[in-house]
Amino acid sequence: MKLFVAAAGVLLISTPVLAQQYEPNPSEQAAPAKPELMLPANSEIVLRMSDDLTTKGGKIKEGHMFRLTVAYDVRAQGTIVIPSGTPAVGEVTMRTGKGVFGKSGKMEVELRHVDLNGRRIPLTGKFRQEGEGNTLAAVGAIFLSAPLLFVTGKSAVIPRGRELTGYTVAAEAITVN
């Protein structure tokens, strides 16, 4: 019994020594913040059309949003901040269909933004595409007295794979993985 009391006394006396401050294991500590790099305003970003865009058929209207991807890695301070293949979005801002007298279809598009891991990076950039006119055929139809209603131009087409260049609207701080 004396042995038990003595052991209990040692335990009580040494308890403050055991109650040391807890220090987390290095693997439990918060990960260090990932570095941010600045992508300057007006940084060039080359985008590639994901699908064909055409005035043919009247399916594409003003306001139609279309998909692109970043064609080449975008670097800031020697580090890739926007990898190739990152999705982007553009918008049709003007569209006319082909018409009589050899009038060709026309389309204007504007680049809107890059979607980088759920974050939108605004872009600026315009592109205009016109179909080939058929004015020669219209002039020929006049001399041959053929009805001009059957002479039309061609539809405007921006083909899949076409590269369009856009620029960042403002400087962007981008977290590097």
N, C-alpha and C. Protein backbone atom coordinates (compact mmCIF):
# COMPACT_ATOMS: atom_id res chain seq x y z
N MET A 1 0.82 -1.17 0.00
CA MET A 1 0.00 0.00 0.00
C MET A 1 0.88 1.26 0.00
N LYS A 2 2.00 1.22 0.78
CA LYS A 2 2.91 2.36 0.80
C LYS A 2 3.49 2.60 -0.58
N LEU A 3 3.72 1.50 -1.31
CA LEU A 3 4.25 1.62 -2.67
C LEU A 3 3.25 2.33 -3.58
N PHE A 4 1.97 2.03 -3.41
CA PHE A 4 0.93 2.64 -4.22
C PHE A 4 0.83 4.14 -3.93
N VAL A 5 0.89 4.53 -2.65
CA VAL A 5 0.80 5.93 -2.26
C VAL A 5 2.02 6.69 -2.78
N ALA A 6 3.19 6.06 -2.70
CA ALA A 6 4.40 6.70 -3.18
C ALA A 6 4.33 6.91 -4.69
N ALA A 7 3.83 5.92 -5.41
CA ALA A 7 3.71 6.05 -6.86
C ALA A 7 2.72 7.13 -7.23
N ALA A 8 1.64 7.23 -6.48
CA ALA A 8 0.63 8.25 -6.73
C ALA A 8 1.21 9.63 -6.47
N GLY A 9 2.02 9.75 -5.43
CA GLY A 9 2.65 11.03 -5.12
C GLY A 9 3.62 11.46 -6.20
N VAL A 10 4.40 10.52 -6.73
CA VAL A 10 5.33 10.83 -7.82
C VAL A 10 4.56 11.28 -9.05
N LEU A 11 3.47 10.61 -9.31
CA LEU A 11 2.64 10.94 -10.47
C LEU A 11 2.07 12.35 -10.33
N LEU A 12 1.58 12.70 -9.14
CA LEU A 12 1.02 14.03 -8.93
C LEU A 12 2.08 15.12 -9.02
N ILE A 13 3.26 14.82 -8.51
CA ILE A 13 4.34 15.81 -8.55
C ILE A 13 4.82 16.02 -9.98
N SER A 14 4.85 14.96 -10.80
CA SER A 14 5.37 15.07 -12.16
C SER A 14 4.31 15.50 -13.17
N THR A 15 3.08 15.63 -12.79
CA THR A 15 2.01 16.01 -13.71
C THR A 15 2.29 17.35 -14.39
N PRO A 16 2.75 18.39 -13.70
CA PRO A 16 3.03 19.64 -14.40
C PRO A 16 4.10 19.49 -15.47
N VAL A 17 5.04 18.58 -15.26
CA VAL A 17 6.07 18.34 -16.25
C VAL A 17 5.45 17.73 -17.51
N LEU A 18 4.46 16.87 -17.35
CA LEU A 18 3.81 16.22 -18.49
C LEU A 18 2.89 17.17 -19.25
N ALA A 19 2.40 18.20 -18.57
CA ALA A 19 1.47 19.12 -19.21
C ALA A 19 2.24 20.19 -19.98
N GLN A 20 2.96 19.77 -20.99
CA GLN A 20 3.73 20.70 -21.81
C GLN A 20 2.84 21.27 -22.91
N GLN A 21 3.29 22.36 -23.48
CA GLN A 21 2.55 22.98 -24.57
C GLN A 21 2.57 22.06 -25.79
N TYR A 22 1.41 21.93 -26.46
CA TYR A 22 1.29 21.08 -27.65
C TYR A 22 1.88 21.79 -28.85
N GLU A 23 2.78 21.13 -29.53
CA GLU A 23 3.33 21.66 -30.77
C GLU A 23 2.93 20.72 -31.89
N PRO A 24 2.24 21.24 -32.88
CA PRO A 24 1.77 20.34 -33.95
C PRO A 24 2.94 19.75 -34.73
N ASN A 25 2.66 18.61 -35.25
CA ASN A 25 3.59 17.91 -36.13
C ASN A 25 3.75 18.76 -37.39
N PRO A 26 4.95 18.85 -37.95
CA PRO A 26 5.11 19.68 -39.18
C PRO A 26 4.14 19.29 -40.28
N SER A 27 3.74 18.04 -40.37
CA SER A 27 2.79 17.64 -41.42
C SER A 27 1.39 18.15 -41.13
N GLU A 28 1.11 18.55 -39.86
CA GLU A 28 -0.20 19.08 -39.50
C GLU A 28 -0.28 20.59 -39.67
N GLN A 29 0.84 21.23 -39.86
CA GLN A 29 0.86 22.69 -39.98
C GLN A 29 0.25 23.12 -41.31
N ALA A 30 -0.29 24.32 -41.33
CA ALA A 30 -0.91 24.85 -42.55
C ALA A 30 0.14 24.94 -43.66
N ALA A 31 -0.31 24.63 -44.86
CA ALA A 31 0.58 24.71 -46.02
C ALA A 31 0.97 26.16 -46.25
N PRO A 32 2.20 26.41 -46.66
CA PRO A 32 2.59 27.80 -46.93
C PRO A 32 1.77 28.36 -48.09
N ALA A 33 1.53 29.66 -48.04
CA ALA A 33 0.75 30.30 -49.10
C ALA A 33 1.46 30.13 -50.44
N LYS A 34 0.65 29.84 -51.47
CA LYS A 34 1.22 29.69 -52.81
C LYS A 34 1.55 31.07 -53.36
N PRO A 35 2.65 31.17 -54.09
CA PRO A 35 3.06 32.49 -54.59
C PRO A 35 2.10 33.02 -55.66
N GLU A 36 2.00 34.33 -55.70
CA GLU A 36 1.21 35.01 -56.73
C GLU A 36 2.16 35.75 -57.66
N LEU A 37 1.84 35.68 -58.95
CA LEU A 37 2.61 36.43 -59.95
C LEU A 37 1.66 37.40 -60.62
N MET A 38 2.18 38.54 -61.05
CA MET A 38 1.36 39.53 -61.73
C MET A 38 1.44 39.32 -63.24
N LEU A 39 0.29 39.16 -63.86
CA LEU A 39 0.18 39.12 -65.31
C LEU A 39 -0.20 40.54 -65.71
N PRO A 40 0.67 41.25 -66.42
CA PRO A 40 0.41 42.67 -66.72
C PRO A 40 -0.83 42.87 -67.60
N ALA A 41 -1.38 44.07 -67.52
CA ALA A 41 -2.47 44.47 -68.43
C ALA A 41 -1.92 44.40 -69.86
N ASN A 42 -2.78 44.13 -70.80
CA ASN A 42 -2.44 44.01 -72.23
C ASN A 42 -1.51 42.85 -72.54
N SER A 43 -1.50 41.83 -71.67
CA SER A 43 -0.72 40.62 -71.97
C SER A 43 -1.41 39.87 -73.09
N GLU A 44 -0.64 39.45 -74.08
CA GLU A 44 -1.18 38.75 -75.24
C GLU A 44 -1.54 37.31 -74.88
N ILE A 45 -2.75 36.90 -75.27
CA ILE A 45 -3.20 35.52 -75.09
C ILE A 45 -3.76 35.05 -76.42
N VAL A 46 -3.14 34.03 -77.00
CA VAL A 46 -3.60 33.48 -78.27
C VAL A 46 -4.61 32.37 -77.96
N LEU A 47 -5.80 32.51 -78.56
CA LEU A 47 -6.88 31.55 -78.33
C LEU A 47 -7.17 30.80 -79.62
N ARG A 48 -7.67 29.58 -79.47
CA ARG A 48 -8.00 28.74 -80.62
C ARG A 48 -9.49 28.39 -80.57
N MET A 49 -10.16 28.54 -81.72
CA MET A 49 -11.58 28.22 -81.83
C MET A 49 -11.80 26.73 -81.54
N SER A 50 -12.79 26.42 -80.70
CA SER A 50 -13.10 25.02 -80.37
C SER A 50 -14.05 24.41 -81.39
N ASP A 51 -14.88 25.23 -82.04
CA ASP A 51 -15.86 24.76 -83.02
C ASP A 51 -15.92 25.75 -84.18
N ASP A 52 -16.53 25.32 -85.30
CA ASP A 52 -16.80 26.24 -86.40
C ASP A 52 -17.87 27.24 -85.96
N LEU A 53 -17.75 28.45 -86.45
CA LEU A 53 -18.75 29.48 -86.20
C LEU A 53 -19.12 30.03 -87.57
N THR A 54 -20.41 29.96 -87.94
CA THR A 54 -20.81 30.35 -89.29
C THR A 54 -22.12 31.13 -89.28
N THR A 55 -22.28 31.99 -90.30
CA THR A 55 -23.53 32.72 -90.46
C THR A 55 -24.55 31.89 -91.22
N LYS A 56 -24.13 30.75 -91.75
CA LYS A 56 -25.02 29.90 -92.54
C LYS A 56 -26.13 29.32 -91.66
N GLY A 57 -27.34 29.36 -92.18
CA GLY A 57 -28.46 28.74 -91.50
C GLY A 57 -29.15 29.61 -90.47
N GLY A 58 -28.57 30.71 -90.09
CA GLY A 58 -29.23 31.62 -89.16
C GLY A 58 -29.28 31.14 -87.72
N LYS A 59 -28.56 30.07 -87.38
CA LYS A 59 -28.59 29.56 -86.01
C LYS A 59 -27.81 30.46 -85.05
N ILE A 60 -26.75 31.06 -85.55
CA ILE A 60 -25.91 31.94 -84.73
C ILE A 60 -26.49 33.35 -84.79
N LYS A 61 -26.78 33.91 -83.64
CA LYS A 61 -27.34 35.27 -83.56
C LYS A 61 -26.39 36.15 -82.74
N GLU A 62 -26.62 37.45 -82.78
CA GLU A 62 -25.87 38.36 -81.93
C GLU A 62 -26.10 37.95 -80.48
N GLY A 63 -25.03 37.97 -79.69
CA GLY A 63 -25.13 37.56 -78.29
C GLY A 63 -24.77 36.10 -78.07
N HIS A 64 -24.60 35.34 -79.16
CA HIS A 64 -24.23 33.92 -79.04
C HIS A 64 -22.83 33.82 -78.44
N MET A 65 -22.70 33.02 -77.38
CA MET A 65 -21.40 32.79 -76.75
C MET A 65 -20.79 31.52 -77.34
N PHE A 66 -19.49 31.54 -77.58
CA PHE A 66 -18.82 30.38 -78.16
C PHE A 66 -17.54 30.06 -77.40
N ARG A 67 -17.07 28.83 -77.56
CA ARG A 67 -15.93 28.34 -76.80
C ARG A 67 -14.62 28.46 -77.57
N LEU A 68 -13.56 28.75 -76.82
CA LEU A 68 -12.19 28.76 -77.33
C LEU A 68 -11.31 28.11 -76.26
N THR A 69 -10.06 27.86 -76.60
CA THR A 69 -9.08 27.42 -75.61
C THR A 69 -7.80 28.23 -75.80
N VAL A 70 -7.04 28.35 -74.73
CA VAL A 70 -5.75 29.04 -74.82
C VAL A 70 -4.83 28.15 -75.67
N ALA A 71 -4.26 28.74 -76.72
CA ALA A 71 -3.45 27.96 -77.68
C ALA A 71 -2.04 27.68 -77.18
N TYR A 72 -1.45 28.62 -76.46
CA TYR A 72 -0.06 28.48 -76.00
C TYR A 72 0.02 28.92 -74.54
N ASP A 73 0.92 28.31 -73.78
CA ASP A 73 1.12 28.70 -72.39
C ASP A 73 1.37 30.20 -72.30
N VAL A 74 0.77 30.84 -71.29
CA VAL A 74 1.00 32.25 -71.03
C VAL A 74 1.91 32.32 -69.81
N ARG A 75 3.00 33.06 -69.93
CA ARG A 75 4.01 33.13 -68.87
C ARG A 75 4.11 34.53 -68.29
N ALA A 76 4.42 34.56 -67.00
CA ALA A 76 4.74 35.81 -66.31
C ALA A 76 5.99 35.52 -65.49
N GLN A 77 7.00 36.32 -65.65
CA GLN A 77 8.26 36.17 -64.93
C GLN A 77 8.84 34.76 -65.11
N GLY A 78 8.69 34.23 -66.33
CA GLY A 78 9.26 32.94 -66.67
C GLY A 78 8.46 31.74 -66.18
N THR A 79 7.33 31.96 -65.53
CA THR A 79 6.51 30.87 -64.98
C THR A 79 5.18 30.82 -65.72
N ILE A 80 4.70 29.61 -66.02
CA ILE A 80 3.39 29.46 -66.68
C ILE A 80 2.30 29.86 -65.69
N VAL A 81 1.51 30.87 -66.07
CA VAL A 81 0.40 31.31 -65.22
C VAL A 81 -0.95 30.91 -65.82
N ILE A 82 -1.01 30.75 -67.14
CA ILE A 82 -2.22 30.24 -67.80
C ILE A 82 -1.76 29.17 -68.77
N PRO A 83 -2.04 27.90 -68.47
CA PRO A 83 -1.57 26.82 -69.35
C PRO A 83 -2.39 26.71 -70.63
N SER A 84 -1.76 26.20 -71.69
CA SER A 84 -2.50 25.96 -72.93
C SER A 84 -3.61 24.98 -72.62
N GLY A 85 -4.72 25.12 -73.33
CA GLY A 85 -5.89 24.27 -73.11
C GLY A 85 -6.89 24.86 -72.14
N THR A 86 -6.54 25.95 -71.46
CA THR A 86 -7.46 26.61 -70.54
C THR A 86 -8.65 27.14 -71.34
N PRO A 87 -9.89 26.90 -70.87
CA PRO A 87 -11.06 27.36 -71.63
C PRO A 87 -11.22 28.88 -71.63
N ALA A 88 -11.82 29.38 -72.69
CA ALA A 88 -12.11 30.80 -72.84
C ALA A 88 -13.46 30.96 -73.53
N VAL A 89 -13.99 32.17 -73.51
CA VAL A 89 -15.32 32.44 -74.08
C VAL A 89 -15.26 33.69 -74.95
N GLY A 90 -15.97 33.63 -76.07
CA GLY A 90 -16.14 34.78 -76.96
C GLY A 90 -17.62 34.99 -77.21
N GLU A 91 -17.95 36.12 -77.85
CA GLU A 91 -19.36 36.44 -78.12
C GLU A 91 -19.50 37.02 -79.52
N VAL A 92 -20.55 36.61 -80.23
CA VAL A 92 -20.87 37.19 -81.53
C VAL A 92 -21.54 38.53 -81.26
N THR A 93 -20.95 39.61 -81.80
CA THR A 93 -21.49 40.95 -81.55
C THR A 93 -22.20 41.55 -82.76
N MET A 94 -21.97 40.97 -83.95
CA MET A 94 -22.65 41.43 -85.16
C MET A 94 -22.70 40.28 -86.14
N ARG A 95 -23.84 40.14 -86.82
CA ARG A 95 -23.99 39.05 -87.79
C ARG A 95 -24.98 39.47 -88.86
N THR A 96 -24.58 39.25 -90.12
CA THR A 96 -25.53 39.41 -91.23
C THR A 96 -25.42 38.15 -92.06
N GLY A 97 -26.53 37.76 -92.63
CA GLY A 97 -26.51 36.59 -93.51
C GLY A 97 -26.16 37.01 -94.92
N LYS A 98 -25.89 36.02 -95.75
CA LYS A 98 -25.61 36.34 -97.15
C LYS A 98 -26.92 36.80 -97.79
N GLY A 99 -26.79 37.55 -98.85
CA GLY A 99 -27.99 38.08 -99.47
C GLY A 99 -27.89 38.12 -100.98
N VAL A 100 -28.92 38.70 -101.58
CA VAL A 100 -28.98 38.79 -103.04
C VAL A 100 -27.95 39.79 -103.54
N PHE A 101 -27.76 39.81 -104.83
CA PHE A 101 -26.80 40.67 -105.52
C PHE A 101 -25.36 40.37 -105.09
N GLY A 102 -25.10 39.17 -104.65
CA GLY A 102 -23.74 38.76 -104.30
C GLY A 102 -23.28 39.21 -102.93
N LYS A 103 -24.22 39.65 -102.09
CA LYS A 103 -23.86 40.12 -100.75
C LYS A 103 -23.41 38.93 -99.89
N SER A 104 -22.24 39.09 -99.26
CA SER A 104 -21.71 38.00 -98.42
C SER A 104 -22.17 38.17 -96.97
N GLY A 105 -22.11 37.06 -96.24
CA GLY A 105 -22.40 37.10 -94.81
C GLY A 105 -21.24 37.74 -94.07
N LYS A 106 -21.53 38.40 -92.96
CA LYS A 106 -20.50 39.06 -92.16
C LYS A 106 -20.75 38.72 -90.69
N MET A 107 -19.64 38.68 -89.95
CA MET A 107 -19.75 38.38 -88.53
C MET A 107 -18.61 39.06 -87.79
N GLU A 108 -18.94 39.66 -86.65
CA GLU A 108 -17.92 40.21 -85.76
C GLU A 108 -18.03 39.49 -84.43
N VAL A 109 -16.88 39.16 -83.86
CA VAL A 109 -16.85 38.51 -82.56
C VAL A 109 -15.91 39.28 -81.64
N GLU A 110 -16.18 39.19 -80.36
CA GLU A 110 -15.30 39.79 -79.36
C GLU A 110 -14.92 38.72 -78.35
N LEU A 111 -13.67 38.75 -77.92
CA LEU A 111 -13.20 37.82 -76.91
C LEU A 111 -13.60 38.38 -75.55
N ARG A 112 -14.16 37.53 -74.68
CA ARG A 112 -14.69 38.00 -73.41
C ARG A 112 -13.81 37.68 -72.20
N HIS A 113 -13.48 36.39 -71.98
CA HIS A 113 -12.69 36.04 -70.81
C HIS A 113 -12.08 34.64 -70.92
N VAL A 114 -11.06 34.42 -70.09
CA VAL A 114 -10.45 33.11 -69.90
C VAL A 114 -10.96 32.59 -68.57
N ASP A 115 -11.33 31.32 -68.49
CA ASP A 115 -11.78 30.69 -67.25
C ASP A 115 -10.62 29.92 -66.64
N LEU A 116 -9.94 30.53 -65.68
CA LEU A 116 -8.78 29.92 -65.04
C LEU A 116 -9.18 29.40 -63.66
N ASN A 117 -9.41 28.10 -63.56
CA ASN A 117 -9.77 27.46 -62.29
C ASN A 117 -10.94 28.16 -61.61
N GLY A 118 -11.99 28.45 -62.37
CA GLY A 118 -13.18 29.08 -61.81
C GLY A 118 -13.10 30.60 -61.72
N ARG A 119 -12.00 31.17 -62.11
CA ARG A 119 -11.81 32.62 -62.08
C ARG A 119 -11.83 33.17 -63.50
N ARG A 120 -12.59 34.22 -63.71
CA ARG A 120 -12.68 34.84 -65.04
C ARG A 120 -11.65 35.96 -65.16
N ILE A 121 -10.82 35.84 -66.19
CA ILE A 121 -9.85 36.89 -66.48
C ILE A 121 -10.35 37.60 -67.73
N PRO A 122 -10.84 38.85 -67.60
CA PRO A 122 -11.42 39.57 -68.73
C PRO A 122 -10.41 39.82 -69.84
N LEU A 123 -10.90 39.71 -71.07
CA LEU A 123 -10.08 39.93 -72.26
C LEU A 123 -10.69 40.99 -73.14
N THR A 124 -9.87 41.54 -73.99
CA THR A 124 -10.35 42.42 -75.05
C THR A 124 -9.75 41.91 -76.36
N GLY A 125 -10.50 42.02 -77.41
CA GLY A 125 -10.05 41.59 -78.72
C GLY A 125 -11.24 41.42 -79.64
N LYS A 126 -11.13 41.92 -80.86
CA LYS A 126 -12.21 41.83 -81.85
C LYS A 126 -11.70 41.14 -83.10
N PHE A 127 -12.62 40.48 -83.78
CA PHE A 127 -12.27 39.82 -85.02
C PHE A 127 -13.48 39.92 -85.94
N ARG A 128 -13.25 40.21 -87.21
CA ARG A 128 -14.33 40.30 -88.19
C ARG A 128 -14.08 39.30 -89.30
N GLN A 129 -15.12 38.58 -89.69
CA GLN A 129 -15.03 37.60 -90.77
C GLN A 129 -16.13 37.89 -91.78
N GLU A 130 -15.75 37.89 -93.05
CA GLU A 130 -16.73 38.08 -94.13
C GLU A 130 -16.63 36.92 -95.09
N GLY A 131 -17.78 36.50 -95.57
CA GLY A 131 -17.78 35.50 -96.63
C GLY A 131 -17.37 36.15 -97.93
N GLU A 132 -17.00 35.35 -98.88
CA GLU A 132 -16.62 35.92 -100.18
C GLU A 132 -17.86 36.41 -100.90
N GLY A 133 -17.78 37.63 -101.40
CA GLY A 133 -18.89 38.17 -102.17
C GLY A 133 -18.94 37.52 -103.55
N ASN A 134 -20.05 37.67 -104.19
CA ASN A 134 -20.22 37.09 -105.52
C ASN A 134 -20.62 38.19 -106.48
N THR A 135 -19.94 39.34 -106.39
CA THR A 135 -20.28 40.50 -107.20
C THR A 135 -20.11 40.25 -108.68
N LEU A 136 -19.08 39.49 -109.04
CA LEU A 136 -18.85 39.19 -110.45
C LEU A 136 -20.05 38.44 -111.06
N ALA A 137 -20.56 37.48 -110.31
CA ALA A 137 -21.72 36.73 -110.80
C ALA A 137 -22.94 37.64 -110.89
N ALA A 138 -23.08 38.58 -109.93
CA ALA A 138 -24.21 39.50 -109.97
C ALA A 138 -24.12 40.40 -111.19
N VAL A 139 -22.92 40.89 -111.49
CA VAL A 139 -22.72 41.73 -112.68
C VAL A 139 -23.00 40.92 -113.93
N GLY A 140 -22.51 39.69 -113.97
CA GLY A 140 -22.76 38.81 -115.12
C GLY A 140 -24.24 38.55 -115.30
N ALA A 141 -24.96 38.41 -114.21
CA ALA A 141 -26.39 38.14 -114.28
C ALA A 141 -27.13 39.33 -114.88
N ILE A 142 -26.64 40.53 -114.61
CA ILE A 142 -27.28 41.72 -115.17
C ILE A 142 -27.14 41.70 -116.69
N PHE A 143 -25.93 41.39 -117.18
CA PHE A 143 -25.71 41.39 -118.63
C PHE A 143 -26.45 40.25 -119.31
N LEU A 144 -26.64 39.17 -118.60
CA LEU A 144 -27.35 38.03 -119.19
C LEU A 144 -28.85 38.09 -118.92
N SER A 145 -29.29 39.14 -118.23
CA SER A 145 -30.69 39.31 -117.85
C SER A 145 -31.19 38.16 -117.00
N ALA A 146 -30.32 37.56 -116.26
CA ALA A 146 -30.72 36.49 -115.35
C ALA A 146 -31.28 37.11 -114.08
N PRO A 147 -32.19 36.43 -113.41
CA PRO A 147 -32.73 36.99 -112.17
C PRO A 147 -31.64 37.09 -111.09
N LEU A 148 -31.51 38.26 -110.51
CA LEU A 148 -30.47 38.51 -109.52
C LEU A 148 -30.76 37.83 -108.18
N LEU A 149 -31.98 37.39 -107.97
CA LEU A 149 -32.33 36.77 -106.70
C LEU A 149 -31.57 35.48 -106.45
N PHE A 150 -31.07 34.86 -107.50
CA PHE A 150 -30.37 33.59 -107.33
C PHE A 150 -28.87 33.75 -107.15
N VAL A 151 -28.38 34.97 -107.27
CA VAL A 151 -26.95 35.21 -107.12
C VAL A 151 -26.71 35.73 -105.70
N THR A 152 -26.08 34.91 -104.87
CA THR A 152 -25.81 35.30 -103.49
C THR A 152 -24.33 35.16 -103.20
N GLY A 153 -23.92 35.80 -102.12
CA GLY A 153 -22.54 35.68 -101.65
C GLY A 153 -22.40 34.42 -100.80
N LYS A 154 -21.28 34.31 -100.14
CA LYS A 154 -21.03 33.14 -99.30
C LYS A 154 -21.18 33.52 -97.83
N SER A 155 -21.44 32.50 -97.03
CA SER A 155 -21.56 32.70 -95.59
C SER A 155 -20.19 32.97 -94.98
N ALA A 156 -20.18 33.73 -93.89
CA ALA A 156 -18.94 33.97 -93.14
C ALA A 156 -18.71 32.76 -92.25
N VAL A 157 -17.46 32.28 -92.20
CA VAL A 157 -17.12 31.12 -91.38
C VAL A 157 -15.80 31.40 -90.65
N ILE A 158 -15.81 31.20 -89.33
CA ILE A 158 -14.57 31.18 -88.56
C ILE A 158 -14.38 29.71 -88.20
N PRO A 159 -13.41 29.05 -88.84
CA PRO A 159 -13.29 27.60 -88.68
C PRO A 159 -12.70 27.18 -87.33
N ARG A 160 -13.03 25.97 -86.94
CA ARG A 160 -12.44 25.36 -85.75
C ARG A 160 -10.92 25.36 -85.93
N GLY A 161 -10.19 25.69 -84.88
CA GLY A 161 -8.74 25.72 -84.96
C GLY A 161 -8.16 27.07 -85.29
N ARG A 162 -8.96 28.00 -85.79
CA ARG A 162 -8.46 29.35 -86.10
C ARG A 162 -7.97 30.01 -84.82
N GLU A 163 -6.85 30.68 -84.90
CA GLU A 163 -6.29 31.35 -83.74
C GLU A 163 -6.66 32.83 -83.77
N LEU A 164 -7.13 33.32 -82.62
CA LEU A 164 -7.50 34.71 -82.44
C LEU A 164 -6.69 35.25 -81.26
N THR A 165 -6.24 36.48 -81.36
CA THR A 165 -5.41 37.06 -80.31
C THR A 165 -6.22 38.02 -79.46
N GLY A 166 -6.14 37.83 -78.15
CA GLY A 166 -6.78 38.71 -77.20
C GLY A 166 -5.75 39.26 -76.23
N TYR A 167 -6.17 40.23 -75.43
CA TYR A 167 -5.28 40.88 -74.47
C TYR A 167 -6.00 41.03 -73.14
N THR A 168 -5.26 40.88 -72.05
CA THR A 168 -5.86 41.06 -70.73
C THR A 168 -6.28 42.53 -70.58
N VAL A 169 -7.43 42.74 -69.95
CA VAL A 169 -7.95 44.09 -69.77
C VAL A 169 -7.17 44.83 -68.68
N ALA A 170 -6.86 44.13 -67.59
CA ALA A 170 -6.16 44.75 -66.46
C ALA A 170 -5.07 43.80 -65.97
N ALA A 171 -4.20 44.30 -65.13
CA ALA A 171 -3.19 43.44 -64.50
C ALA A 171 -3.92 42.46 -63.58
N GLU A 172 -3.46 41.23 -63.55
CA GLU A 172 -4.10 40.17 -62.77
C GLU A 172 -3.07 39.48 -61.90
N ALA A 173 -3.37 39.36 -60.60
CA ALA A 173 -2.52 38.57 -59.69
C ALA A 173 -3.00 37.12 -59.80
N ILE A 174 -2.10 36.23 -60.22
CA ILE A 174 -2.48 34.84 -60.42
C ILE A 174 -1.68 33.95 -59.50
N THR A 175 -2.39 33.10 -58.75
CA THR A 175 -1.75 32.16 -57.84
C THR A 175 -1.16 31.03 -58.65
N VAL A 176 0.11 30.74 -58.41
CA VAL A 176 0.82 29.70 -59.15
C VAL A 176 0.75 28.41 -58.36
N ASN A 177 0.42 27.32 -59.06
CA ASN A 177 0.33 26.01 -58.39
C ASN A 177 1.67 25.39 -58.20
